[in-house]
C-alpha atoms as a PDB file:
ATOM      1  CA  UNK A   1      39.801  58.586 -45.581  1.00  0.00           C
ATOM      2  CA  UNK A   2      37.229  57.223 -43.158  1.00  0.00           C
ATOM      3  CA  UNK A   3      37.643  56.667 -39.438  1.00  0.00           C
ATOM      4  CA  UNK A   4      35.538  55.250 -36.604  1.00  0.00           C
ATOM      5  CA  UNK A   5      33.186  57.801 -35.106  1.00  0.00           C
ATOM      6  CA  UNK A   6      33.671  58.586 -31.414  1.00  0.00           C
ATOM      7  CA  UNK A   7      30.762  57.522 -29.182  1.00  0.00           C
ATOM      8  CA  UNK A   8      29.678  58.263 -25.632  1.00  0.00           C
ATOM      9  CA  UNK A   9      30.939  54.822 -24.659  1.00  0.00           C
ATOM     10  CA  UNK A  10      34.416  55.671 -25.953  1.00  0.00           C
ATOM     11  CA  UNK A  11      34.553  58.845 -23.850  1.00  0.00           C
ATOM     12  CA  UNK A  12      33.281  56.949 -20.801  1.00  0.00           C
ATOM     13  CA  UNK A  13      35.931  54.227 -21.231  1.00  0.00           C
ATOM     14  CA  UNK A  14      38.786  56.730 -21.553  1.00  0.00           C
ATOM     15  CA  UNK A  15      37.712  58.715 -18.501  1.00  0.00           C
ATOM     16  CA  UNK A  16      36.793  55.652 -16.448  1.00  0.00           C
ATOM     17  CA  UNK A  17      33.213  56.757 -15.811  1.00  0.00           C
ATOM     18  CA  UNK A  18      29.817  55.426 -16.872  1.00  0.00           C
ATOM     19  CA  UNK A  19      28.210  56.268 -20.241  1.00  0.00           C
ATOM     20  CA  UNK A  20      25.201  57.728 -18.416  1.00  0.00           C
ATOM     21  CA  UNK A  21      27.513  60.134 -16.569  1.00  0.00           C
ATOM     22  CA  UNK A  22      29.041  61.219 -19.882  1.00  0.00           C
ATOM     23  CA  UNK A  23      25.599  61.728 -21.392  1.00  0.00           C
ATOM     24  CA  UNK A  24      24.429  63.851 -18.476  1.00  0.00           C
ATOM     25  CA  UNK A  25      27.669  65.848 -18.430  1.00  0.00           C
ATOM     26  CA  UNK A  26      27.249  66.687 -22.127  1.00  0.00           C
ATOM     27  CA  UNK A  27      23.736  67.887 -21.341  1.00  0.00           C
ATOM     28  CA  UNK A  28      25.030  70.042 -18.450  1.00  0.00           C
ATOM     29  CA  UNK A  29      22.959  68.093 -15.906  1.00  0.00           C
ATOM     30  CA  UNK A  30      23.073  69.729 -12.427  1.00  0.00           C
ATOM     31  CA  UNK A  31      23.827  66.391 -10.725  1.00  0.00           C
ATOM     32  CA  UNK A  32      27.245  66.188 -12.409  1.00  0.00           C
ATOM     33  CA  UNK A  33      30.066  68.129 -10.759  1.00  0.00           C
ATOM     34  CA  UNK A  34      31.908  70.924 -12.580  1.00  0.00           C
ATOM     35  CA  UNK A  35      35.234  69.067 -12.887  1.00  0.00           C
ATOM     36  CA  UNK A  36      33.600  66.028 -14.496  1.00  0.00           C
ATOM     37  CA  UNK A  37      31.664  68.207 -16.928  1.00  0.00           C
ATOM     38  CA  UNK A  38      34.846  69.968 -17.923  1.00  0.00           C
ATOM     39  CA  UNK A  39      36.753  66.708 -18.407  1.00  0.00           C
ATOM     40  CA  UNK A  40      33.961  65.219 -20.523  1.00  0.00           C
ATOM     41  CA  UNK A  41      33.491  68.294 -22.697  1.00  0.00           C
ATOM     42  CA  UNK A  42      37.228  68.823 -23.178  1.00  0.00           C
ATOM     43  CA  UNK A  43      37.701  65.231 -24.326  1.00  0.00           C
ATOM     44  CA  UNK A  44      34.594  65.339 -26.523  1.00  0.00           C
ATOM     45  CA  UNK A  45      35.953  68.432 -28.225  1.00  0.00           C
ATOM     46  CA  UNK A  46      39.432  66.938 -28.631  1.00  0.00           C
ATOM     47  CA  UNK A  47      38.055  63.723 -30.132  1.00  0.00           C
ATOM     48  CA  UNK A  48      35.531  65.652 -32.290  1.00  0.00           C
ATOM     49  CA  UNK A  49      32.568  63.821 -30.838  1.00  0.00           C
ATOM     50  CA  UNK A  50      29.251  64.588 -32.540  1.00  0.00           C
ATOM     51  CA  UNK A  51      25.841  63.272 -31.432  1.00  0.00           C
ATOM     52  CA  UNK A  52      23.959  61.065 -33.883  1.00  0.00           C
ATOM     53  CA  UNK A  53      26.988  60.726 -36.167  1.00  0.00           C
ATOM     54  CA  UNK A  54      27.323  57.878 -38.631  1.00  0.00           C
ATOM     55  CA  UNK A  55      28.165  54.576 -36.979  1.00  0.00           C
ATOM     56  CA  UNK A  56      30.971  53.522 -39.256  1.00  0.00           C
ATOM     57  CA  UNK A  57      31.198  50.007 -37.931  1.00  0.00           C
ATOM     58  CA  UNK A  58      27.865  49.384 -39.676  1.00  0.00           C
ATOM     59  CA  UNK A  59      29.338  49.823 -43.120  1.00  0.00           C
ATOM     60  CA  UNK A  60      26.222  48.697 -44.934  1.00  0.00           C
ATOM     61  CA  UNK A  61      23.914  50.957 -42.975  1.00  0.00           C
ATOM     62  CA  UNK A  62      22.914  54.052 -44.962  1.00  0.00           C
ATOM     63  CA  UNK A  63      20.433  56.869 -44.584  1.00  0.00           C
ATOM     64  CA  UNK A  64      19.961  57.064 -48.386  1.00  0.00           C
ATOM     65  CA  UNK A  65      20.363  60.813 -48.015  1.00  0.00           C
ATOM     66  CA  UNK A  66      23.007  63.183 -49.347  1.00  0.00           C
ATOM     67  CA  UNK A  67      23.640  66.824 -48.491  1.00  0.00           C
ATOM     68  CA  UNK A  68      24.328  69.747 -50.804  1.00  0.00           C
ATOM     69  CA  UNK A  69      25.936  72.922 -49.435  1.00  0.00           C
ATOM     70  CA  UNK A  70      25.729  75.930 -51.742  1.00  0.00           C
ATOM     71  CA  UNK A  71      26.200  79.697 -51.371  1.00  0.00           C
ATOM     72  CA  UNK A  72      22.893  80.753 -52.978  1.00  0.00           C
ATOM     73  CA  UNK A  73      19.853  78.828 -54.162  1.00  0.00           C
ATOM     74  CA  UNK A  74      18.524  81.785 -56.185  1.00  0.00           C
ATOM     75  CA  UNK A  75      21.623  81.905 -58.389  1.00  0.00           C
ATOM     76  CA  UNK A  76      20.747  80.353 -61.767  1.00  0.00           C
ATOM     77  CA  UNK A  77      24.030  78.472 -61.968  1.00  0.00           C
ATOM     78  CA  UNK A  78      23.575  76.812 -58.586  1.00  0.00           C
ATOM     79  CA  UNK A  79      19.943  75.959 -59.299  1.00  0.00           C
ATOM     80  CA  UNK A  80      21.132  74.242 -62.499  1.00  0.00           C
ATOM     81  CA  UNK A  81      23.717  72.278 -60.528  1.00  0.00           C
ATOM     82  CA  UNK A  82      21.066  71.221 -57.994  1.00  0.00           C
ATOM     83  CA  UNK A  83      18.821  70.025 -60.816  1.00  0.00           C
ATOM     84  CA  UNK A  84      21.590  67.757 -62.079  1.00  0.00           C
ATOM     85  CA  UNK A  85      22.360  66.458 -58.594  1.00  0.00           C
ATOM     86  CA  UNK A  86      18.709  65.760 -57.842  1.00  0.00           C
ATOM     87  CA  UNK A  87      18.170  63.830 -61.067  1.00  0.00           C
ATOM     88  CA  UNK A  88      21.081  61.500 -60.301  1.00  0.00           C
ATOM     89  CA  UNK A  89      20.050  61.124 -56.647  1.00  0.00           C
ATOM     90  CA  UNK A  90      16.506  60.242 -57.645  1.00  0.00           C
ATOM     91  CA  UNK A  91      17.764  57.541 -59.996  1.00  0.00           C
ATOM     92  CA  UNK A  92      19.820  56.090 -57.145  1.00  0.00           C
ATOM     93  CA  UNK A  93      16.898  56.188 -54.705  1.00  0.00           C
ATOM     94  CA  UNK A  94      18.456  58.900 -52.515  1.00  0.00           C
ATOM     95  CA  UNK A  95      16.966  62.019 -50.963  1.00  0.00           C
ATOM     96  CA  UNK A  96      18.768  65.379 -51.192  1.00  0.00           C
ATOM     97  CA  UNK A  97      19.051  67.836 -48.293  1.00  0.00           C
ATOM     98  CA  UNK A  98      19.935  71.316 -49.605  1.00  0.00           C
ATOM     99  CA  UNK A  99      21.672  73.826 -47.321  1.00  0.00           C
ATOM    100  CA  UNK A 100      22.315  77.458 -48.239  1.00  0.00           C
ATOM    101  CA  UNK A 101      25.174  79.354 -46.619  1.00  0.00           C
ATOM    102  CA  UNK A 102      24.056  82.698 -48.041  1.00  0.00           C
ATOM    103  CA  UNK A 103      27.784  83.452 -48.424  1.00  0.00           C
ATOM    104  CA  UNK A 104      28.281  83.156 -44.642  1.00  0.00           C
ATOM    105  CA  UNK A 105      31.077  81.074 -43.111  1.00  0.00           C
ATOM    106  CA  UNK A 106      29.154  80.669 -39.834  1.00  0.00           C
ATOM    107  CA  UNK A 107      26.080  79.365 -41.626  1.00  0.00           C
ATOM    108  CA  UNK A 108      28.229  77.001 -43.656  1.00  0.00           C
ATOM    109  CA  UNK A 109      29.710  75.577 -40.443  1.00  0.00           C
ATOM    110  CA  UNK A 110      26.217  75.172 -38.980  1.00  0.00           C
ATOM    111  CA  UNK A 111      25.058  73.472 -42.180  1.00  0.00           C
ATOM    112  CA  UNK A 112      27.957  71.004 -42.022  1.00  0.00           C
ATOM    113  CA  UNK A 113      27.081  70.109 -38.438  1.00  0.00           C
ATOM    114  CA  UNK A 114      23.434  69.648 -39.369  1.00  0.00           C
ATOM    115  CA  UNK A 115      24.302  67.277 -42.198  1.00  0.00           C
ATOM    116  CA  UNK A 116      26.636  65.324 -39.915  1.00  0.00           C
ATOM    117  CA  UNK A 117      23.950  64.931 -37.261  1.00  0.00           C
ATOM    118  CA  UNK A 118      21.416  63.854 -39.905  1.00  0.00           C
ATOM    119  CA  UNK A 119      23.685  60.964 -40.873  1.00  0.00           C
ATOM    120  CA  UNK A 120      23.923  61.853 -44.563  1.00  0.00           C
ATOM    121  CA  UNK A 121      25.881  59.401 -46.687  1.00  0.00           C
ATOM    122  CA  UNK A 122      27.817  62.048 -48.612  1.00  0.00           C
ATOM    123  CA  UNK A 123      28.066  65.790 -49.186  1.00  0.00           C
ATOM    124  CA  UNK A 124      28.505  67.957 -52.269  1.00  0.00           C
ATOM    125  CA  UNK A 125      29.808  71.413 -51.418  1.00  0.00           C
ATOM    126  CA  UNK A 126      30.564  74.782 -52.990  1.00  0.00           C
ATOM    127  CA  UNK A 127      32.097  77.041 -50.358  1.00  0.00           C
ATOM    128  CA  UNK A 128      30.990  80.544 -49.369  1.00  0.00           C
ATOM    129  CA  UNK A 129      32.899  83.757 -50.083  1.00  0.00           C
ATOM    130  CA  UNK A 130      33.803  84.048 -46.394  1.00  0.00           C
ATOM    131  CA  UNK A 131      35.174  80.543 -45.942  1.00  0.00           C
ATOM    132  CA  UNK A 132      38.909  80.453 -45.221  1.00  0.00           C
ATOM    133  CA  UNK A 133      38.941  77.781 -42.507  1.00  0.00           C
ATOM    134  CA  UNK A 134      37.949  74.236 -43.343  1.00  0.00           C
ATOM    135  CA  UNK A 135      37.769  72.278 -40.095  1.00  0.00           C
ATOM    136  CA  UNK A 136      34.005  71.804 -40.496  1.00  0.00           C
ATOM    137  CA  UNK A 137      34.563  70.071 -43.844  1.00  0.00           C
ATOM    138  CA  UNK A 138      37.398  67.948 -42.515  1.00  0.00           C
ATOM    139  CA  UNK A 139      35.075  66.954 -39.647  1.00  0.00           C
ATOM    140  CA  UNK A 140      32.656  65.543 -42.224  1.00  0.00           C
ATOM    141  CA  UNK A 141      35.412  63.475 -43.782  1.00  0.00           C
ATOM    142  CA  UNK A 142      36.611  62.256 -40.402  1.00  0.00           C
ATOM    143  CA  UNK A 143      33.024  61.284 -39.657  1.00  0.00           C
ATOM    144  CA  UNK A 144      33.210  58.914 -42.608  1.00  0.00           C
ATOM    145  CA  UNK A 145      31.287  61.142 -45.016  1.00  0.00           C
ATOM    146  CA  UNK A 146      32.801  61.512 -48.503  1.00  0.00           C
ATOM    147  CA  UNK A 147      32.975  65.038 -49.936  1.00  0.00           C
ATOM    148  CA  UNK A 148      32.878  66.251 -53.529  1.00  0.00           C
ATOM    149  CA  UNK A 149      33.568  69.925 -54.230  1.00  0.00           C
ATOM    150  CA  UNK A 150      32.050  71.658 -57.228  1.00  0.00           C
ATOM    151  CA  UNK A 151      32.744  75.103 -58.719  1.00  0.00           C
ATOM    152  CA  UNK A 152      34.119  76.740 -55.548  1.00  0.00           C
ATOM    153  CA  UNK A 153      36.689  74.398 -54.112  1.00  0.00           C
ATOM    154  CA  UNK A 154      38.832  74.280 -50.985  1.00  0.00           C
ATOM    155  CA  UNK A 155      42.254  73.197 -52.187  1.00  0.00           C
ATOM    156  CA  UNK A 156      43.299  72.694 -48.556  1.00  0.00           C
ATOM    157  CA  UNK A 157      40.850  69.766 -48.246  1.00  0.00           C
ATOM    158  CA  UNK A 158      41.844  66.485 -49.884  1.00  0.00           C
ATOM    159  CA  UNK A 159      38.609  65.606 -51.705  1.00  0.00           C
ATOM    160  CA  UNK A 160      37.146  65.060 -55.167  1.00  0.00           C
ATOM    161  CA  UNK A 161      36.526  68.158 -57.278  1.00  0.00           C
ATOM    162  CA  UNK A 162      34.398  69.006 -60.309  1.00  0.00           C
ATOM    163  CA  UNK A 163      35.262  72.345 -61.893  1.00  0.00           C
ATOM    164  CA  UNK A 164      35.585  74.111 -65.198  1.00  0.00           C
ATOM    165  CA  UNK A 165      38.858  75.579 -66.427  1.00  0.00           C
ATOM    166  CA  UNK A 166      38.072  79.068 -65.124  1.00  0.00           C
ATOM    167  CA  UNK A 167      41.420  80.477 -66.212  1.00  0.00           C
ATOM    168  CA  UNK A 168      41.035  79.283 -69.798  1.00  0.00           C
ATOM    169  CA  UNK A 169      37.383  80.373 -69.968  1.00  0.00           C
ATOM    170  CA  UNK A 170      38.280  83.858 -68.745  1.00  0.00           C
ATOM    171  CA  UNK A 171      41.151  84.015 -71.204  1.00  0.00           C
ATOM    172  CA  UNK A 172      38.756  83.181 -74.061  1.00  0.00           C
ATOM    173  CA  UNK A 173      36.250  85.815 -72.932  1.00  0.00           C
ATOM    174  CA  UNK A 174      38.903  88.528 -72.716  1.00  0.00           C
ATOM    175  CA  UNK A 175      40.549  87.480 -75.970  1.00  0.00           C
ATOM    176  CA  UNK A 176      37.160  87.718 -77.697  1.00  0.00           C
ATOM    177  CA  UNK A 177      36.888  91.369 -76.707  1.00  0.00           C
ATOM    178  CA  UNK A 178      40.469  92.042 -77.842  1.00  0.00           C
ATOM    179  CA  UNK A 179      39.758  90.402 -81.212  1.00  0.00           C
ATOM    180  CA  UNK A 180      36.732  92.672 -81.668  1.00  0.00           C
ATOM    181  CA  UNK A 181      38.922  95.748 -81.216  1.00  0.00           C
ATOM    182  CA  UNK A 182      38.767  96.477 -77.484  1.00  0.00           C
ATOM    183  CA  UNK A 183      41.975  97.798 -75.998  1.00  0.00           C
ATOM    184  CA  UNK A 184      40.987  99.108 -72.556  1.00  0.00           C
ATOM    185  CA  UNK A 185      39.215  96.223 -70.871  1.00  0.00           C
ATOM    186  CA  UNK A 186      38.231  96.280 -67.217  1.00  0.00           C
ATOM    187  CA  UNK A 187      37.700  93.222 -65.049  1.00  0.00           C
ATOM    188  CA  UNK A 188      34.993  93.229 -62.391  1.00  0.00           C
ATOM    189  CA  UNK A 189      36.480  90.463 -60.257  1.00  0.00           C
ATOM    190  CA  UNK A 190      35.319  88.052 -57.600  1.00  0.00           C
ATOM    191  CA  UNK A 191      36.874  87.714 -54.128  1.00  0.00           C
ATOM    192  CA  UNK A 192      40.516  86.718 -54.387  1.00  0.00           C
ATOM    193  CA  UNK A 193      40.045  84.406 -51.401  1.00  0.00           C
ATOM    194  CA  UNK A 194      38.245  82.042 -53.795  1.00  0.00           C
ATOM    195  CA  UNK A 195      40.150  79.928 -56.298  1.00  0.00           C
ATOM    196  CA  UNK A 196      37.654  80.828 -59.036  1.00  0.00           C
ATOM    197  CA  UNK A 197      38.178  84.538 -58.330  1.00  0.00           C
ATOM    198  CA  UNK A 198      41.944  84.186 -58.698  1.00  0.00           C
ATOM    199  CA  UNK A 199      41.724  81.970 -61.784  1.00  0.00           C
ATOM    200  CA  UNK A 200      39.300  84.252 -63.614  1.00  0.00           C
ATOM    201  CA  UNK A 201      41.507  87.243 -62.902  1.00  0.00           C
ATOM    202  CA  UNK A 202      44.572  85.360 -64.130  1.00  0.00           C
ATOM    203  CA  UNK A 203      42.863  84.361 -67.371  1.00  0.00           C
ATOM    204  CA  UNK A 204      42.029  88.016 -68.011  1.00  0.00           C
ATOM    205  CA  UNK A 205      45.632  89.046 -67.297  1.00  0.00           C
ATOM    206  CA  UNK A 206      46.991  86.301 -69.551  1.00  0.00           C
ATOM    207  CA  UNK A 207      44.906  87.514 -72.484  1.00  0.00           C
ATOM    208  CA  UNK A 208      46.018  91.129 -72.051  1.00  0.00           C
ATOM    209  CA  UNK A 209      49.659  90.138 -71.750  1.00  0.00           C
ATOM    210  CA  UNK A 210      49.540  87.901 -74.824  1.00  0.00           C
ATOM    211  CA  UNK A 211      48.012  90.755 -76.842  1.00  0.00           C
ATOM    212  CA  UNK A 212      50.622  93.231 -75.634  1.00  0.00           C
ATOM    213  CA  UNK A 213      48.020  95.404 -73.901  1.00  0.00           C
ATOM    214  CA  UNK A 214      48.985  97.274 -70.720  1.00  0.00           C
ATOM    215  CA  UNK A 215      47.637  96.117 -67.365  1.00  0.00           C
ATOM    216  CA  UNK A 216      45.973  98.996 -65.559  1.00  0.00           C
ATOM    217  CA  UNK A 217      45.253  98.072 -61.944  1.00  0.00           C
ATOM    218  CA  UNK A 218      42.627 100.830 -61.810  1.00  0.00           C
ATOM    219  CA  UNK A 219      40.558  98.687 -64.183  1.00  0.00           C
ATOM    220  CA  UNK A 220      40.658  95.629 -61.906  1.00  0.00           C
ATOM    221  CA  UNK A 221      37.883  96.097 -59.373  1.00  0.00           C
ATOM    222  CA  UNK A 222      36.403  93.599 -56.920  1.00  0.00           C
ATOM    223  CA  UNK A 223      32.732  93.797 -57.854  1.00  0.00           C
ATOM    224  CA  UNK A 224      30.827  90.518 -57.946  1.00  0.00           C
ATOM    225  CA  UNK A 225      27.167  91.496 -57.702  1.00  0.00           C
ATOM    226  CA  UNK A 226      24.672  93.837 -59.333  1.00  0.00           C
ATOM    227  CA  UNK A 227      24.995  96.744 -56.897  1.00  0.00           C
ATOM    228  CA  UNK A 228      28.784  96.590 -56.677  1.00  0.00           C
ATOM    229  CA  UNK A 229      28.937  96.698 -60.471  1.00  0.00           C
ATOM    230  CA  UNK A 230      26.719  99.770 -60.617  1.00  0.00           C
ATOM    231  CA  UNK A 231      28.871 101.555 -58.057  1.00  0.00           C
ATOM    232  CA  UNK A 232      32.077 100.555 -59.848  1.00  0.00           C
ATOM    233  CA  UNK A 233      30.838 101.945 -63.172  1.00  0.00           C
ATOM    234  CA  UNK A 234      29.872 105.267 -61.577  1.00  0.00           C
ATOM    235  CA  UNK A 235      33.293 105.519 -59.911  1.00  0.00           C
ATOM    236  CA  UNK A 236      35.103 104.809 -63.192  1.00  0.00           C
ATOM    237  CA  UNK A 237      33.085 107.413 -65.073  1.00  0.00           C
ATOM    238  CA  UNK A 238      33.495 110.018 -62.324  1.00  0.00           C
ATOM    239  CA  UNK A 239      37.255 109.408 -62.317  1.00  0.00           C
ATOM    240  CA  UNK A 240      37.437 109.810 -66.093  1.00  0.00           C
ATOM    241  CA  UNK A 241      38.627 106.223 -66.505  1.00  0.00           C
ATOM    242  CA  UNK A 242      36.191 104.818 -69.035  1.00  0.00           C
ATOM    243  CA  UNK A 243      37.009 101.343 -70.415  1.00  0.00           C
ATOM    244  CA  UNK A 244      35.823 100.090 -73.794  1.00  0.00           C
ATOM    245  CA  UNK A 245      35.130  96.620 -72.436  1.00  0.00           C
ATOM    246  CA  UNK A 246      34.051  94.925 -69.205  1.00  0.00           C
ATOM    247  CA  UNK A 247      34.718  91.277 -68.416  1.00  0.00           C
ATOM    248  CA  UNK A 248      32.598  90.458 -65.365  1.00  0.00           C
ATOM    249  CA  UNK A 249      33.025  87.539 -62.976  1.00  0.00           C
ATOM    250  CA  UNK A 250      29.318  86.625 -63.305  1.00  0.00           C
ATOM    251  CA  UNK A 251      26.220  87.584 -65.277  1.00  0.00           C
ATOM    252  CA  UNK A 252      24.504  89.712 -62.650  1.00  0.00           C
ATOM    253  CA  UNK A 253      27.634  91.815 -62.339  1.00  0.00           C
ATOM    254  CA  UNK A 254      27.765  92.168 -66.116  1.00  0.00           C
ATOM    255  CA  UNK A 255      24.119  93.211 -66.244  1.00  0.00           C
ATOM    256  CA  UNK A 256      24.622  95.765 -63.469  1.00  0.00           C
ATOM    257  CA  UNK A 257      27.514  97.249 -65.451  1.00  0.00           C
ATOM    258  CA  UNK A 258      25.572  97.224 -68.714  1.00  0.00           C
ATOM    259  CA  UNK A 259      22.487  98.952 -67.345  1.00  0.00           C
ATOM    260  CA  UNK A 260      24.527 101.600 -65.554  1.00  0.00           C
ATOM    261  CA  UNK A 261      26.575 102.463 -68.630  1.00  0.00           C
ATOM    262  CA  UNK A 262      23.369 102.673 -70.658  1.00  0.00           C
ATOM    263  CA  UNK A 263      21.770 105.002 -68.115  1.00  0.00           C
ATOM    264  CA  UNK A 264      24.873 107.182 -68.347  1.00  0.00           C
ATOM    265  CA  UNK A 265      24.387 107.461 -72.106  1.00  0.00           C
ATOM    266  CA  UNK A 266      26.919 104.906 -73.328  1.00  0.00           C
ATOM    267  CA  UNK A 267      25.970 102.568 -76.166  1.00  0.00           C
ATOM    268  CA  UNK A 268      26.455  98.822 -75.767  1.00  0.00           C
ATOM    269  CA  UNK A 269      28.275  97.363 -77.692  1.00  0.00           C
ATOM    270  CA  UNK A 270      29.254 100.328 -79.914  1.00  0.00           C
ATOM    271  CA  UNK A 271      31.130 102.179 -77.172  1.00  0.00           C
ATOM    272  CA  UNK A 272      31.587  99.464 -74.586  1.00  0.00           C
ATOM    273  CA  UNK A 273      31.587  95.677 -74.799  1.00  0.00           C
ATOM    274  CA  UNK A 274      30.159  93.605 -71.935  1.00  0.00           C
ATOM    275  CA  UNK A 275      30.877  89.913 -71.255  1.00  0.00           C
ATOM    276  CA  UNK A 276      29.547  87.911 -68.306  1.00  0.00           C
ATOM    277  CA  UNK A 277      30.113  84.486 -66.790  1.00  0.00           C
ATOM    278  CA  UNK A 278      27.626  81.632 -66.167  1.00  0.00           C
ATOM    279  CA  UNK A 279      25.171  82.161 -69.057  1.00  0.00           C
ATOM    280  CA  UNK A 280      22.089  82.239 -66.851  1.00  0.00           C
ATOM    281  CA  UNK A 281      18.521  82.876 -67.881  1.00  0.00           C
ATOM    282  CA  UNK A 282      18.962  86.663 -67.808  1.00  0.00           C
ATOM    283  CA  UNK A 283      21.616  86.631 -70.539  1.00  0.00           C
ATOM    284  CA  UNK A 284      18.977  86.140 -73.209  1.00  0.00           C
ATOM    285  CA  UNK A 285      16.604  88.894 -72.091  1.00  0.00           C
ATOM    286  CA  UNK A 286      18.957  91.861 -71.704  1.00  0.00           C
ATOM    287  CA  UNK A 287      19.075  94.474 -74.460  1.00  0.00           C
ATOM    288  CA  UNK A 288      21.346  93.688 -76.157  1.00  0.00           C
ATOM    289  CA  UNK A 289      21.573  90.012 -75.217  1.00  0.00           C
ATOM    290  CA  UNK A 290      24.570  89.249 -73.007  1.00  0.00           C
ATOM    291  CA  UNK A 291      27.692  87.453 -74.212  1.00  0.00           C
ATOM    292  CA  UNK A 292      28.622  84.993 -71.471  1.00  0.00           C
ATOM    293  CA  UNK A 293      30.613  81.894 -70.545  1.00  0.00           C
ATOM    294  CA  UNK A 294      28.395  78.806 -70.270  1.00  0.00           C
ATOM    295  CA  UNK A 295      29.514  76.821 -67.213  1.00  0.00           C
ATOM    296  CA  UNK A 296      27.218  73.868 -67.955  1.00  0.00           C
ATOM    297  CA  UNK A 297      25.788  73.782 -64.431  1.00  0.00           C
ATOM    298  CA  UNK A 298      23.523  70.777 -64.992  1.00  0.00           C
ATOM    299  CA  UNK A 299      26.443  68.710 -66.292  1.00  0.00           C
ATOM    300  CA  UNK A 300      28.547  69.810 -63.315  1.00  0.00           C
ATOM    301  CA  UNK A 301      25.788  68.654 -60.972  1.00  0.00           C
ATOM    302  CA  UNK A 302      25.351  65.239 -62.582  1.00  0.00           C
ATOM    303  CA  UNK A 303      29.109  64.669 -62.760  1.00  0.00           C
ATOM    304  CA  UNK A 304      29.680  65.623 -59.116  1.00  0.00           C
ATOM    305  CA  UNK A 305      26.763  63.450 -57.996  1.00  0.00           C
ATOM    306  CA  UNK A 306      27.996  60.422 -59.956  1.00  0.00           C
ATOM    307  CA  UNK A 307      31.432  60.722 -58.348  1.00  0.00           C
ATOM    308  CA  UNK A 308      29.872  61.020 -54.895  1.00  0.00           C
ATOM    309  CA  UNK A 309      27.654  57.955 -55.381  1.00  0.00           C
ATOM    310  CA  UNK A 310      30.629  55.956 -56.607  1.00  0.00           C
ATOM    311  CA  UNK A 311      32.322  56.747 -53.296  1.00  0.00           C
ATOM    312  CA  UNK A 312      29.229  55.941 -51.231  1.00  0.00           C
ATOM    313  CA  UNK A 313      28.271  52.708 -52.942  1.00  0.00           C
ATOM    314  CA  UNK A 314      31.802  51.334 -53.279  1.00  0.00           C
ATOM    315  CA  UNK A 315      32.424  51.478 -49.513  1.00  0.00           C
ATOM    316  CA  UNK A 316      36.008  52.549 -50.235  1.00  0.00           C
ATOM    317  CA  UNK A 317      37.905  53.472 -47.100  1.00  0.00           C
ATOM    318  CA  UNK A 318      40.953  54.830 -48.952  1.00  0.00           C
ATOM    319  CA  UNK A 319      41.043  56.467 -52.370  1.00  0.00           C
ATOM    320  CA  UNK A 320      42.930  59.069 -54.336  1.00  0.00           C
ATOM    321  CA  UNK A 321      40.646  62.074 -54.941  1.00  0.00           C
ATOM    322  CA  UNK A 322      40.123  63.034 -58.555  1.00  0.00           C
ATOM    323  CA  UNK A 323      39.750  66.395 -60.232  1.00  0.00           C
ATOM    324  CA  UNK A 324      37.266  66.449 -63.096  1.00  0.00           C
ATOM    325  CA  UNK A 325      37.607  69.495 -65.357  1.00  0.00           C
ATOM    326  CA  UNK A 326      34.611  70.232 -67.587  1.00  0.00           C
ATOM    327  CA  UNK A 327      34.604  72.325 -70.739  1.00  0.00           C
ATOM    328  CA  UNK A 328      33.147  75.837 -70.767  1.00  0.00           C
ATOM    329  CA  UNK A 329      31.903  77.636 -73.881  1.00  0.00           C
ATOM    330  CA  UNK A 330      31.788  81.317 -74.727  1.00  0.00           C
ATOM    331  CA  UNK A 331      28.310  82.143 -76.025  1.00  0.00           C
ATOM    332  CA  UNK A 332      28.674  85.271 -78.146  1.00  0.00           C
ATOM    333  CA  UNK A 333      25.687  87.616 -78.300  1.00  0.00           C
ATOM    334  CA  UNK A 334      24.976  91.257 -79.012  1.00  0.00           C
ATOM    335  CA  UNK A 335      26.621  92.828 -75.966  1.00  0.00           C
ATOM    336  CA  UNK A 336      30.086  92.294 -77.414  1.00  0.00           C
ATOM    337  CA  UNK A 337      29.610  92.510 -81.180  1.00  0.00           C
ATOM    338  CA  UNK A 338      29.332  95.781 -83.060  1.00  0.00           C
ATOM    339  CA  UNK A 339      26.809  95.729 -85.877  1.00  0.00           C
END
């Protein structure tokens, strides 16, 4: 999966000019004519040249640094993953560079380029909501940098993955509400561009179908944060479509739904059951406490880091990527159980 990184000398040799001319052309030096600049930059782009990239011929040369690309640092789940990654990295004598995309594709691309130029030895990545093109991640691989995806994966990129069984976890969460007597369950879903968004929706649908409950598309709403959940609840109530259960794609969405229903006079869980996903620190301080799926973020972080370090330290040039699927547990609390 690794390949030799293109250098200024390579570009100079192909074009039949000196390395210093290539260097000045890349820097848009006024002494270099327009045609030469264009030829140099076109070839550099075609060959995916990057300054300060890893010199792969020096296989034993490492920066002892890894990169982590995540959507949000403030999210409890991702902070738990980072904690696991950092503990493993520290044991191995590596430093961790953390990059936040803030759910932006452009920032994710910039982060990938930064990690490449910093000569990191490997990258752990969870993609942003906006990401639907993966050239920046493939560039890392082609620069000789192994990738491990966690939680939010890019199935188009041939790399190691560490995930939970989102479909099965969502099925369990929805089935729990059905078993406690709920018959009109809404799903506040994540973006369907993400694999986890599609899998969590499918698990919900599977549980309804198995129980013989009708699927009402009006109760499937893309709402994956606190404010979107609040707006979705208001719209449902105003439309006279009031569910007796909400399965939310994450905890903050679940909490937004819970608080809004309570402000509108509904009793949780007597009139409406609420179940979240990720089992973050807020699940234990809501009133009532929030039922949620525990994703085991710390374990995901340590597992992903161990796989990455195996790739880095083994110096493998070819390998078959593995998919590690971790267990997820439904933690039942007061938001889904009638007294």
